[in-house]
Structure formats: structure tokens, C-alpha cells
Amino acid sequence: MSIIPTWCPPSREHWELVTFLWQFFPIFTLFQWLVKYYPMGKTSTESTFNLPGKIGWATMEAPGFIMLLYLMYALPKQEGIESLPFTNWTMAALFTIHYIYRALISPLILNPSMSPIHISVWASALGFQLINATCIGGWLGGFGPTTQDEWTGAALRLELGLMIFAVGLLGNIYHDDDLREIRRAAARNQERKQKTQGEKGDGKSVDKVYMVPENGLFKLVLFPHYLCEWIEWGGFWMIGGMACVPARTFLINEVATMLPRALDGKQWYVERFGKEKIGSRKAIIPCII
């Protein structure tokens, strides 16, 4: 079923155009090096145009894997492909697993609370997800390899890529949970204090509690969850191979988007906790940056 004829799902011509233009996305991230305004997370601000953190995050991230799965279903019918190779579905599964965790489980189930997200950030992230999923979903759904024979000789690449992706995903989850524990601990302390004082809880969550995490790679960098996500998508690109332009572009676009945020985030930590507390920690890559 076509949602927007020749665009969703895309024709090969339109998919090639979008995939080509998407490679220039890093140009649009240059403003992040000049503008420190980023109204979400630690740097969220009060605004009429804010969305609740949990709902905002879920609705801007989930459309990506939904779009990819839709293209995996619709494109083969459009292109007359009877069935897609197992490896295509493996890559689609990895993408979906990551975003089910990132878009649904993490914000809606695991996170005790989330700061508001400005609608401008929400719209930008939603656009990123839909375009990125169109590029990757198009490649996997009919415009990339369409037979298992085209994956001949890729077994080692697949195994290594799967291992790298798994290491990145597990590292991402581990370090995310370390950040959550700071807020959970603050909530427990708040509840304990109220019980000691004989007060009743007011039902409010702990929204703005920040500390310098100390576990895992947090001993070396301040944003190891960013690094682990890059590792994930590096493994994903390895599985697809050098010819998988959408996977390569995704990794480059992630780095272009997240690197300036990590560097700004380090500065935020230094200003809040002091250079002595931050010590020799780098922003995102141990011993480098």
C-alpha cells in the first residue's frame, strides 16, 4: 500500500536522490559548533513549545523503525521481489531492536523521568529518523541486495559486524542505566527523607538531578553512551559492507550530530562541577577528544 506515490515507498529514482542528498547532512550540523542552544536534556529550558520528555522522545524516535519495517513490507511488492535475503532481515532486525530499546523501552519504561523537549528539537529528530529510515529501508527493502547470492562471501563480515553491534548495544544500555541510577538514587533519597520526617510524598518525580557518573567508560569519557552508539552503527555498516551507502551515511551523520553535543556537554560538566572533578576525562573518545 502506497502512502505517498513514488515517495513512500519511494521509486528507485527518488530513493537514489534522497540517499545522495542525505550524505550532505553534516553541513547542516555545522551550526551546532556555533550555537549552544539545545533545548532538551540537561540544557532544556522552560518554553510554551516544550513537549513532555517521555512522550516527545518516543514520538520522535519510533517513526524511524516503523518506516523501515513498512518499506521492508511495501518495497518488495512494488519492485516485484518475492522474498528478501535473510541478511537483509538481519540488518532490519538490528535497526529495530536498537530503536525499540531507544524509542520505547528506555523512555517509557526504564527512565524515572525526562526533561522537556522543545518542539524544534522534536521536529528535527523526527525528520532525521524518517529520512534515515527511508535510505536504509530502501536499500534493505529492494534497492540493495535482493538475493542471498549477492551476500556470498559476507559470512565473516556478518559475524564480526554482529559482534561489534552487540558490544555497542550492550555498552549503550549499561551506560544509559548508570545515568538512570543517579535519578533513581535521588528519588530513593527523597522518599527516605520524607518517611523520616513523617511527610507524605507529593508524587513528583526527580527531574533535575545531575552527578558525574563513575562507572564503566565514564571513568574515561563523559558520553560513553554516544561512543557505544557509534560502535553499534559501525558494526551495522560492516555487515552491509562498503557498498552500503545508507549505513555509512548514517554513521557519519550520527558522528556529525553527536560530536558537537558531546563537546558542549563536557563544557557543561566543567562549568557545573569544576575542572578538578572532571579530571582527565575526555568528551567521547578516550584519550583523544
C-alpha atoms as a PDB file:
ATOM      1  CA  MET A   1       0.000   0.000   0.000  1.00  0.00           C
ATOM      2  CA  SER A   2       1.473   3.315  -1.087  1.00  0.00           C
ATOM      3  CA  ILE A   3       1.193   6.221   1.354  1.00  0.00           C
ATOM      4  CA  ILE A   4       2.640   8.867  -0.987  1.00  0.00           C
ATOM      5  CA  PRO A   5       3.050   7.567  -4.571  1.00  0.00           C
ATOM      6  CA  THR A   6       6.716   7.356  -5.685  1.00  0.00           C
ATOM      7  CA  TRP A   7       7.873   8.788  -2.331  1.00  0.00           C
ATOM      8  CA  CYS A   8       6.564   6.463   0.379  1.00  0.00           C
ATOM      9  CA  PRO A   9       7.552   3.894  -0.607  1.00  0.00           C
ATOM     10  CA  PRO A  10       9.957   5.686  -2.926  1.00  0.00           C
ATOM     11  CA  SER A  11      10.644   4.896  -6.527  1.00  0.00           C
ATOM     12  CA  ARG A  12      14.238   3.928  -7.224  1.00  0.00           C
ATOM     13  CA  GLU A  13      14.849   7.369  -8.750  1.00  0.00           C
ATOM     14  CA  HIS A  14      13.517   9.190  -5.695  1.00  0.00           C
ATOM     15  CA  TRP A  15      15.329   6.852  -3.306  1.00  0.00           C
ATOM     16  CA  GLU A  16      18.635   7.469  -5.071  1.00  0.00           C
ATOM     17  CA  LEU A  17      18.037  11.215  -4.915  1.00  0.00           C
ATOM     18  CA  VAL A  18      17.237  11.198  -1.186  1.00  0.00           C
ATOM     19  CA  THR A  19      20.148   8.872  -0.413  1.00  0.00           C
ATOM     20  CA  PHE A  20      22.557  11.094  -2.352  1.00  0.00           C
ATOM     21  CA  LEU A  21      21.372  14.311  -0.701  1.00  0.00           C
ATOM     22  CA  TRP A  22      21.383  12.723   2.764  1.00  0.00           C
ATOM     23  CA  GLN A  23      25.167  12.424   2.531  1.00  0.00           C
ATOM     24  CA  PHE A  24      25.351  16.227   2.837  1.00  0.00           C
ATOM     25  CA  PHE A  25      23.519  16.326   6.163  1.00  0.00           C
ATOM     26  CA  PRO A  26      26.736  17.062   8.144  1.00  0.00           C
ATOM     27  CA  ILE A  27      26.781  20.507   6.516  1.00  0.00           C
ATOM     28  CA  PHE A  28      23.586  21.338   8.389  1.00  0.00           C
ATOM     29  CA  THR A  29      25.129  20.284  11.697  1.00  0.00           C
ATOM     30  CA  LEU A  30      27.822  22.967  11.491  1.00  0.00           C
ATOM     31  CA  PHE A  31      25.539  25.420  13.301  1.00  0.00           C
ATOM     32  CA  GLN A  32      25.916  23.252  16.432  1.00  0.00           C
ATOM     33  CA  TRP A  33      29.541  24.376  16.659  1.00  0.00           C
ATOM     34  CA  LEU A  34      28.384  28.000  16.714  1.00  0.00           C
ATOM     35  CA  VAL A  35      25.114  27.887  18.651  1.00  0.00           C
ATOM     36  CA  LYS A  36      24.990  26.435  22.157  1.00  0.00           C
ATOM     37  CA  TYR A  37      21.196  26.461  22.305  1.00  0.00           C
ATOM     38  CA  TYR A  38      19.931  22.883  22.552  1.00  0.00           C
ATOM     39  CA  PRO A  39      16.618  22.788  24.446  1.00  0.00           C
ATOM     40  CA  MET A  40      16.404  19.196  25.671  1.00  0.00           C
ATOM     41  CA  GLY A  41      18.016  17.016  28.310  1.00  0.00           C
ATOM     42  CA  LYS A  42      20.472  18.763  30.635  1.00  0.00           C
ATOM     43  CA  THR A  43      20.123  22.002  28.691  1.00  0.00           C
ATOM     44  CA  SER A  44      16.331  22.063  28.392  1.00  0.00           C
ATOM     45  CA  THR A  45      14.623  25.376  29.103  1.00  0.00           C
ATOM     46  CA  GLU A  46      11.116  26.427  30.027  1.00  0.00           C
ATOM     47  CA  SER A  47       9.008  27.154  26.957  1.00  0.00           C
ATOM     48  CA  THR A  48       5.404  27.128  25.805  1.00  0.00           C
ATOM     49  CA  PHE A  49       6.593  24.953  22.932  1.00  0.00           C
ATOM     50  CA  ASN A  50       8.040  22.178  25.093  1.00  0.00           C
ATOM     51  CA  LEU A  51       6.758  18.623  24.871  1.00  0.00           C
ATOM     52  CA  PRO A  52       6.764  16.181  27.814  1.00  0.00           C
ATOM     53  CA  GLY A  53      10.120  14.429  27.753  1.00  0.00           C
ATOM     54  CA  LYS A  54       8.984  10.818  27.603  1.00  0.00           C
ATOM     55  CA  ILE A  55       6.234  11.305  25.028  1.00  0.00           C
ATOM     56  CA  GLY A  56       8.345  13.677  22.962  1.00  0.00           C
ATOM     57  CA  TRP A  57      11.257  11.247  22.841  1.00  0.00           C
ATOM     58  CA  ALA A  58       9.130   8.233  21.937  1.00  0.00           C
ATOM     59  CA  THR A  59       7.218  10.007  19.185  1.00  0.00           C
ATOM     60  CA  MET A  60      10.316  11.492  17.547  1.00  0.00           C
ATOM     61  CA  GLU A  61      12.358   8.263  17.599  1.00  0.00           C
ATOM     62  CA  ALA A  62       9.850   5.452  16.990  1.00  0.00           C
ATOM     63  CA  PRO A  63       8.744   6.527  13.472  1.00  0.00           C
ATOM     64  CA  GLY A  64      12.211   5.570  12.202  1.00  0.00           C
ATOM     65  CA  PHE A  65      11.967   1.827  12.758  1.00  0.00           C
ATOM     66  CA  ILE A  66       8.264   1.888  11.831  1.00  0.00           C
ATOM     67  CA  MET A  67       9.169   3.457   8.480  1.00  0.00           C
ATOM     68  CA  LEU A  68      11.934   0.923   7.904  1.00  0.00           C
ATOM     69  CA  LEU A  69       9.623  -2.030   8.583  1.00  0.00           C
ATOM     70  CA  TYR A  70       6.959  -0.513   6.346  1.00  0.00           C
ATOM     71  CA  LEU A  71       9.466  -0.263   3.477  1.00  0.00           C
ATOM     72  CA  MET A  72      10.608  -3.831   4.049  1.00  0.00           C
ATOM     73  CA  TYR A  73       6.976  -4.851   3.548  1.00  0.00           C
ATOM     74  CA  ALA A  74       5.934  -2.470   0.756  1.00  0.00           C
ATOM     75  CA  LEU A  75       9.016  -2.183  -1.475  1.00  0.00           C
ATOM     76  CA  PRO A  76       9.316  -5.869  -2.422  1.00  0.00           C
ATOM     77  CA  LYS A  77       5.711  -5.789  -3.653  1.00  0.00           C
ATOM     78  CA  GLN A  78       6.383  -2.601  -5.598  1.00  0.00           C
ATOM     79  CA  GLU A  79       9.561  -3.999  -7.152  1.00  0.00           C
ATOM     80  CA  GLY A  80       8.211  -7.496  -7.793  1.00  0.00           C
ATOM     81  CA  ILE A  81      10.565  -9.207  -5.324  1.00  0.00           C
ATOM     82  CA  GLU A  82       9.213 -12.469  -3.936  1.00  0.00           C
ATOM     83  CA  SER A  83      11.355 -12.563  -0.818  1.00  0.00           C
ATOM     84  CA  LEU A  84      14.274 -10.655   0.656  1.00  0.00           C
ATOM     85  CA  PRO A  85      17.565 -12.251   1.711  1.00  0.00           C
ATOM     86  CA  PHE A  86      17.993 -13.371   5.313  1.00  0.00           C
ATOM     87  CA  THR A  87      20.850 -10.901   5.808  1.00  0.00           C
ATOM     88  CA  ASN A  88      18.590  -8.005   4.810  1.00  0.00           C
ATOM     89  CA  TRP A  89      16.165  -9.037   7.533  1.00  0.00           C
ATOM     90  CA  THR A  90      19.050  -9.438   9.974  1.00  0.00           C
ATOM     91  CA  MET A  91      20.087  -5.824   9.439  1.00  0.00           C
ATOM     92  CA  ALA A  92      16.474  -4.683   9.693  1.00  0.00           C
ATOM     93  CA  ALA A  93      16.154  -6.608  12.960  1.00  0.00           C
ATOM     94  CA  LEU A  94      19.253  -4.922  14.410  1.00  0.00           C
ATOM     95  CA  PHE A  95      17.930  -1.489  13.485  1.00  0.00           C
ATOM     96  CA  THR A  96      14.541  -2.309  15.002  1.00  0.00           C
ATOM     97  CA  ILE A  97      15.978  -3.776  18.208  1.00  0.00           C
ATOM     98  CA  HIS A  98      18.063  -0.661  18.778  1.00  0.00           C
ATOM     99  CA  TYR A  99      15.128   1.678  18.327  1.00  0.00           C
ATOM    100  CA  ILE A 100      12.636  -0.396  20.290  1.00  0.00           C
ATOM    101  CA  TYR A 101      15.043  -0.001  23.186  1.00  0.00           C
ATOM    102  CA  ARG A 102      15.887   3.628  22.459  1.00  0.00           C
ATOM    103  CA  ALA A 103      12.444   4.900  21.480  1.00  0.00           C
ATOM    104  CA  LEU A 104      10.084   2.833  23.624  1.00  0.00           C
ATOM    105  CA  ILE A 105      11.648   0.780  26.413  1.00  0.00           C
ATOM    106  CA  SER A 106      14.148   3.396  27.567  1.00  0.00           C
ATOM    107  CA  PRO A 107      11.891   6.479  27.802  1.00  0.00           C
ATOM    108  CA  LEU A 108       8.548   4.873  28.595  1.00  0.00           C
ATOM    109  CA  ILE A 109       9.591   2.065  30.936  1.00  0.00           C
ATOM    110  CA  LEU A 110      13.128   2.479  32.276  1.00  0.00           C
ATOM    111  CA  ASN A 111      13.649   6.230  32.660  1.00  0.00           C
ATOM    112  CA  PRO A 112      12.353   7.562  36.003  1.00  0.00           C
ATOM    113  CA  SER A 113      11.839  10.973  34.384  1.00  0.00           C
ATOM    114  CA  MET A 114      12.914  13.024  31.383  1.00  0.00           C
ATOM    115  CA  SER A 115      13.346  16.750  30.885  1.00  0.00           C
ATOM    116  CA  PRO A 116      11.042  18.504  28.404  1.00  0.00           C
ATOM    117  CA  ILE A 117      11.929  18.580  24.709  1.00  0.00           C
ATOM    118  CA  HIS A 118      11.401  21.695  22.629  1.00  0.00           C
ATOM    119  CA  ILE A 119       9.229  21.125  19.592  1.00  0.00           C
ATOM    120  CA  SER A 120      12.035  22.347  17.294  1.00  0.00           C
ATOM    121  CA  VAL A 121      14.291  19.530  18.513  1.00  0.00           C
ATOM    122  CA  TRP A 122      11.402  17.080  18.251  1.00  0.00           C
ATOM    123  CA  ALA A 123      10.683  18.067  14.645  1.00  0.00           C
ATOM    124  CA  SER A 124      14.362  17.899  13.658  1.00  0.00           C
ATOM    125  CA  ALA A 125      14.790  14.454  15.188  1.00  0.00           C
ATOM    126  CA  LEU A 126      11.591  13.198  13.577  1.00  0.00           C
ATOM    127  CA  GLY A 127      12.786  14.389  10.180  1.00  0.00           C
ATOM    128  CA  PHE A 128      16.161  12.722  10.736  1.00  0.00           C
ATOM    129  CA  GLN A 129      14.502   9.427  11.619  1.00  0.00           C
ATOM    130  CA  LEU A 130      12.169   9.379   8.629  1.00  0.00           C
ATOM    131  CA  ILE A 131      14.831  10.296   6.074  1.00  0.00           C
ATOM    132  CA  ASN A 132      17.419   7.947   7.537  1.00  0.00           C
ATOM    133  CA  ALA A 133      14.936   5.068   7.663  1.00  0.00           C
ATOM    134  CA  THR A 134      13.920   5.760   4.069  1.00  0.00           C
ATOM    135  CA  CYS A 135      17.550   5.464   2.935  1.00  0.00           C
ATOM    136  CA  ILE A 136      18.331   2.321   4.932  1.00  0.00           C
ATOM    137  CA  GLY A 137      14.899   0.744   4.431  1.00  0.00           C
ATOM    138  CA  GLY A 138      15.092   1.377   0.695  1.00  0.00           C
ATOM    139  CA  TRP A 139      18.467  -0.354   0.476  1.00  0.00           C
ATOM    140  CA  LEU A 140      17.287  -3.322   2.524  1.00  0.00           C
ATOM    141  CA  GLY A 141      13.809  -3.478   1.025  1.00  0.00           C
ATOM    142  CA  GLY A 142      14.561  -3.658  -2.669  1.00  0.00           C
ATOM    143  CA  PHE A 143      17.237  -1.267  -3.933  1.00  0.00           C
ATOM    144  CA  GLY A 144      20.214  -3.076  -2.415  1.00  0.00           C
ATOM    145  CA  PRO A 145      20.920  -6.824  -2.424  1.00  0.00           C
ATOM    146  CA  THR A 146      17.781  -8.746  -3.366  1.00  0.00           C
ATOM    147  CA  THR A 147      19.114 -12.315  -3.405  1.00  0.00           C
ATOM    148  CA  GLN A 148      21.165 -14.287  -0.905  1.00  0.00           C
ATOM    149  CA  ASP A 149      23.725 -14.914  -3.661  1.00  0.00           C
ATOM    150  CA  GLU A 150      24.638 -11.237  -3.502  1.00  0.00           C
ATOM    151  CA  TRP A 151      25.729 -11.838   0.109  1.00  0.00           C
ATOM    152  CA  THR A 152      28.105 -14.647  -0.876  1.00  0.00           C
ATOM    153  CA  GLY A 153      31.442 -14.231   0.887  1.00  0.00           C
ATOM    154  CA  ALA A 154      29.996 -11.938   3.553  1.00  0.00           C
ATOM    155  CA  ALA A 155      29.831 -14.522   6.373  1.00  0.00           C
ATOM    156  CA  LEU A 156      32.905 -13.241   8.229  1.00  0.00           C
ATOM    157  CA  ARG A 157      31.802  -9.641   7.791  1.00  0.00           C
ATOM    158  CA  LEU A 158      28.381 -10.573   9.140  1.00  0.00           C
ATOM    159  CA  GLU A 159      29.786 -12.336  12.202  1.00  0.00           C
ATOM    160  CA  LEU A 160      32.216  -9.527  13.063  1.00  0.00           C
ATOM    161  CA  GLY A 161      29.603  -6.871  12.450  1.00  0.00           C
ATOM    162  CA  LEU A 162      27.090  -8.660  14.675  1.00  0.00           C
ATOM    163  CA  MET A 163      29.645  -8.907  17.485  1.00  0.00           C
ATOM    164  CA  ILE A 164      30.583  -5.231  17.183  1.00  0.00           C
ATOM    165  CA  PHE A 165      26.942  -4.204  17.090  1.00  0.00           C
ATOM    166  CA  ALA A 166      26.197  -6.323  20.175  1.00  0.00           C
ATOM    167  CA  VAL A 167      29.122  -4.821  22.108  1.00  0.00           C
ATOM    168  CA  GLY A 168      27.926  -1.328  21.219  1.00  0.00           C
ATOM    169  CA  LEU A 169      24.310  -2.029  22.128  1.00  0.00           C
ATOM    170  CA  LEU A 170      25.166  -3.618  25.471  1.00  0.00           C
ATOM    171  CA  GLY A 171      27.560  -0.787  26.264  1.00  0.00           C
ATOM    172  CA  ASN A 172      24.885   1.725  25.361  1.00  0.00           C
ATOM    173  CA  ILE A 173      22.353   0.061  27.665  1.00  0.00           C
ATOM    174  CA  TYR A 174      24.880  -0.255  30.507  1.00  0.00           C
ATOM    175  CA  HIS A 175      25.911   3.390  30.462  1.00  0.00           C
ATOM    176  CA  ASP A 176      22.342   4.602  29.977  1.00  0.00           C
ATOM    177  CA  ASP A 177      21.380   2.691  33.093  1.00  0.00           C
ATOM    178  CA  ASP A 178      24.230   4.221  35.048  1.00  0.00           C
ATOM    179  CA  LEU A 179      22.766   7.632  34.265  1.00  0.00           C
ATOM    180  CA  ARG A 180      19.296   6.426  35.260  1.00  0.00           C
ATOM    181  CA  GLU A 181      20.634   5.175  38.575  1.00  0.00           C
ATOM    182  CA  ILE A 182      21.610   8.721  39.528  1.00  0.00           C
ATOM    183  CA  ARG A 183      17.987   9.784  39.261  1.00  0.00           C
ATOM    184  CA  ARG A 184      16.668   6.600  40.857  1.00  0.00           C
ATOM    185  CA  ALA A 185      19.016   7.105  43.797  1.00  0.00           C
ATOM    186  CA  ALA A 186      17.844  10.703  44.148  1.00  0.00           C
ATOM    187  CA  ALA A 187      14.228   9.508  44.164  1.00  0.00           C
ATOM    188  CA  ARG A 188      15.021   6.918  46.849  1.00  0.00           C
ATOM    189  CA  ASN A 189      16.761   9.546  48.964  1.00  0.00           C
ATOM    190  CA  GLN A 190      13.793  11.868  48.573  1.00  0.00           C
ATOM    191  CA  GLU A 191      11.374   9.132  49.633  1.00  0.00           C
ATOM    192  CA  ARG A 192      13.575   8.137  52.584  1.00  0.00           C
ATOM    193  CA  LYS A 193      13.793  11.744  53.754  1.00  0.00           C
ATOM    194  CA  GLN A 194      10.034  12.147  53.559  1.00  0.00           C
ATOM    195  CA  LYS A 195       9.476   8.990  55.588  1.00  0.00           C
ATOM    196  CA  THR A 196      11.992  10.117  58.205  1.00  0.00           C
ATOM    197  CA  GLN A 197      10.245  13.465  58.526  1.00  0.00           C
ATOM    198  CA  GLY A 198       6.834  11.851  58.540  1.00  0.00           C
ATOM    199  CA  GLU A 199       5.808  13.568  55.321  1.00  0.00           C
ATOM    200  CA  LYS A 200       3.683  12.166  52.552  1.00  0.00           C
ATOM    201  CA  GLY A 201       5.140  12.035  49.065  1.00  0.00           C
ATOM    202  CA  ASP A 202       3.817  14.651  46.674  1.00  0.00           C
ATOM    203  CA  GLY A 203       4.030  12.283  43.707  1.00  0.00           C
ATOM    204  CA  LYS A 204       6.543  14.473  41.907  1.00  0.00           C
ATOM    205  CA  SER A 205       9.419  12.827  40.085  1.00  0.00           C
ATOM    206  CA  VAL A 206      13.012  13.920  40.424  1.00  0.00           C
ATOM    207  CA  ASP A 207      13.645  15.879  37.233  1.00  0.00           C
ATOM    208  CA  LYS A 208      16.887  17.796  37.567  1.00  0.00           C
ATOM    209  CA  VAL A 209      19.484  15.767  39.427  1.00  0.00           C
ATOM    210  CA  TYR A 210      22.963  15.589  37.954  1.00  0.00           C
ATOM    211  CA  MET A 211      26.201  13.998  39.113  1.00  0.00           C
ATOM    212  CA  VAL A 212      29.394  12.893  37.416  1.00  0.00           C
ATOM    213  CA  PRO A 213      28.978   9.143  36.710  1.00  0.00           C
ATOM    214  CA  GLU A 214      31.893   6.996  37.798  1.00  0.00           C
ATOM    215  CA  ASN A 215      31.294   3.507  36.396  1.00  0.00           C
ATOM    216  CA  GLY A 216      32.419   1.787  33.199  1.00  0.00           C
ATOM    217  CA  LEU A 217      33.739   4.065  30.494  1.00  0.00           C
ATOM    218  CA  PHE A 218      32.503   7.083  32.461  1.00  0.00           C
ATOM    219  CA  LYS A 219      35.892   6.890  34.165  1.00  0.00           C
ATOM    220  CA  LEU A 220      37.455   7.903  30.846  1.00  0.00           C
ATOM    221  CA  VAL A 221      34.807   9.913  28.987  1.00  0.00           C
ATOM    222  CA  LEU A 222      31.641  11.813  29.830  1.00  0.00           C
ATOM    223  CA  PHE A 223      29.499  10.482  26.986  1.00  0.00           C
ATOM    224  CA  PRO A 224      30.336   6.782  26.601  1.00  0.00           C
ATOM    225  CA  HIS A 225      26.748   6.037  25.558  1.00  0.00           C
ATOM    226  CA  TYR A 226      27.380   8.183  22.468  1.00  0.00           C
ATOM    227  CA  LEU A 227      30.578   6.275  21.732  1.00  0.00           C
ATOM    228  CA  CYS A 228      28.810   2.942  22.162  1.00  0.00           C
ATOM    229  CA  GLU A 229      26.136   4.028  19.711  1.00  0.00           C
ATOM    230  CA  TRP A 230      28.821   4.846  17.142  1.00  0.00           C
ATOM    231  CA  ILE A 231      30.255   1.373  17.719  1.00  0.00           C
ATOM    232  CA  GLU A 232      26.814  -0.121  17.092  1.00  0.00           C
ATOM    233  CA  TRP A 233      26.388   1.596  13.754  1.00  0.00           C
ATOM    234  CA  GLY A 234      29.985   0.835  12.805  1.00  0.00           C
ATOM    235  CA  GLY A 235      29.117  -2.841  13.185  1.00  0.00           C
ATOM    236  CA  PHE A 236      25.921  -2.277  11.230  1.00  0.00           C
ATOM    237  CA  TRP A 237      27.890  -0.721   8.359  1.00  0.00           C
ATOM    238  CA  MET A 238      30.379  -3.597   8.457  1.00  0.00           C
ATOM    239  CA  ILE A 239      27.544  -6.056   7.916  1.00  0.00           C
ATOM    240  CA  GLY A 240      26.232  -4.083   4.949  1.00  0.00           C
ATOM    241  CA  GLY A 241      29.724  -3.671   3.502  1.00  0.00           C
ATOM    242  CA  MET A 242      31.411  -0.725   1.842  1.00  0.00           C
ATOM    243  CA  ALA A 243      28.702  -0.665  -0.825  1.00  0.00           C
ATOM    244  CA  CYS A 244      26.021   0.080   1.765  1.00  0.00           C
ATOM    245  CA  VAL A 245      25.999   3.849   1.372  1.00  0.00           C
ATOM    246  CA  PRO A 246      22.975   4.393   3.693  1.00  0.00           C
ATOM    247  CA  ALA A 247      24.688   2.612   6.604  1.00  0.00           C
ATOM    248  CA  ARG A 248      27.900   4.574   6.072  1.00  0.00           C
ATOM    249  CA  THR A 249      25.974   7.828   5.813  1.00  0.00           C
ATOM    250  CA  PHE A 250      24.042   7.036   8.985  1.00  0.00           C
ATOM    251  CA  LEU A 251      27.253   6.551  10.964  1.00  0.00           C
ATOM    252  CA  ILE A 252      28.794   9.754   9.598  1.00  0.00           C
ATOM    253  CA  ASN A 253      25.615  11.722  10.286  1.00  0.00           C
ATOM    254  CA  GLU A 254      25.471  10.365  13.846  1.00  0.00           C
ATOM    255  CA  VAL A 255      29.052  11.479  14.474  1.00  0.00           C
ATOM    256  CA  ALA A 256      28.400  14.892  12.916  1.00  0.00           C
ATOM    257  CA  THR A 257      25.349  15.378  15.125  1.00  0.00           C
ATOM    258  CA  MET A 258      26.611  13.956  18.398  1.00  0.00           C
ATOM    259  CA  LEU A 259      30.242  15.126  18.493  1.00  0.00           C
ATOM    260  CA  PRO A 260      29.493  18.835  18.997  1.00  0.00           C
ATOM    261  CA  ARG A 261      26.829  17.931  21.576  1.00  0.00           C
ATOM    262  CA  ALA A 262      29.373  15.857  23.486  1.00  0.00           C
ATOM    263  CA  LEU A 263      31.947  18.663  23.448  1.00  0.00           C
ATOM    264  CA  ASP A 264      29.343  21.178  24.604  1.00  0.00           C
ATOM    265  CA  GLY A 265      28.255  18.662  27.215  1.00  0.00           C
ATOM    266  CA  LYS A 266      31.781  18.385  28.556  1.00  0.00           C
ATOM    267  CA  GLN A 267      31.907  22.131  28.931  1.00  0.00           C
ATOM    268  CA  TRP A 268      28.589  21.969  30.791  1.00  0.00           C
ATOM    269  CA  TYR A 269      30.057  19.397  33.195  1.00  0.00           C
ATOM    270  CA  VAL A 270      33.180  21.510  33.749  1.00  0.00           C
ATOM    271  CA  GLU A 271      31.119  24.621  34.470  1.00  0.00           C
ATOM    272  CA  ARG A 272      28.829  22.754  36.848  1.00  0.00           C
ATOM    273  CA  PHE A 273      31.315  20.533  38.708  1.00  0.00           C
ATOM    274  CA  GLY A 274      34.705  22.144  38.067  1.00  0.00           C
ATOM    275  CA  LYS A 275      37.826  21.018  36.213  1.00  0.00           C
ATOM    276  CA  GLU A 276      39.180  19.168  39.242  1.00  0.00           C
ATOM    277  CA  LYS A 277      36.091  16.933  39.458  1.00  0.00           C
ATOM    278  CA  ILE A 278      36.084  16.181  35.734  1.00  0.00           C
ATOM    279  CA  GLY A 279      39.810  15.489  35.772  1.00  0.00           C
ATOM    280  CA  SER A 280      41.336  13.972  32.660  1.00  0.00           C
ATOM    281  CA  ARG A 281      38.066  12.686  31.233  1.00  0.00           C
ATOM    282  CA  LYS A 282      37.552  13.355  27.541  1.00  0.00           C
ATOM    283  CA  ALA A 283      34.177  14.095  25.989  1.00  0.00           C
ATOM    284  CA  ILE A 284      33.560  10.962  23.959  1.00  0.00           C
ATOM    285  CA  ILE A 285      36.682   9.104  22.736  1.00  0.00           C
ATOM    286  CA  PRO A 286      39.141   8.000  25.469  1.00  0.00           C
ATOM    287  CA  CYS A 287      42.491   9.806  25.381  1.00  0.00           C
ATOM    288  CA  ILE A 288      41.550  11.681  22.179  1.00  0.00           C
ATOM    289  CA  ILE A 289      38.600  14.064  22.350  1.00  0.00           C
END
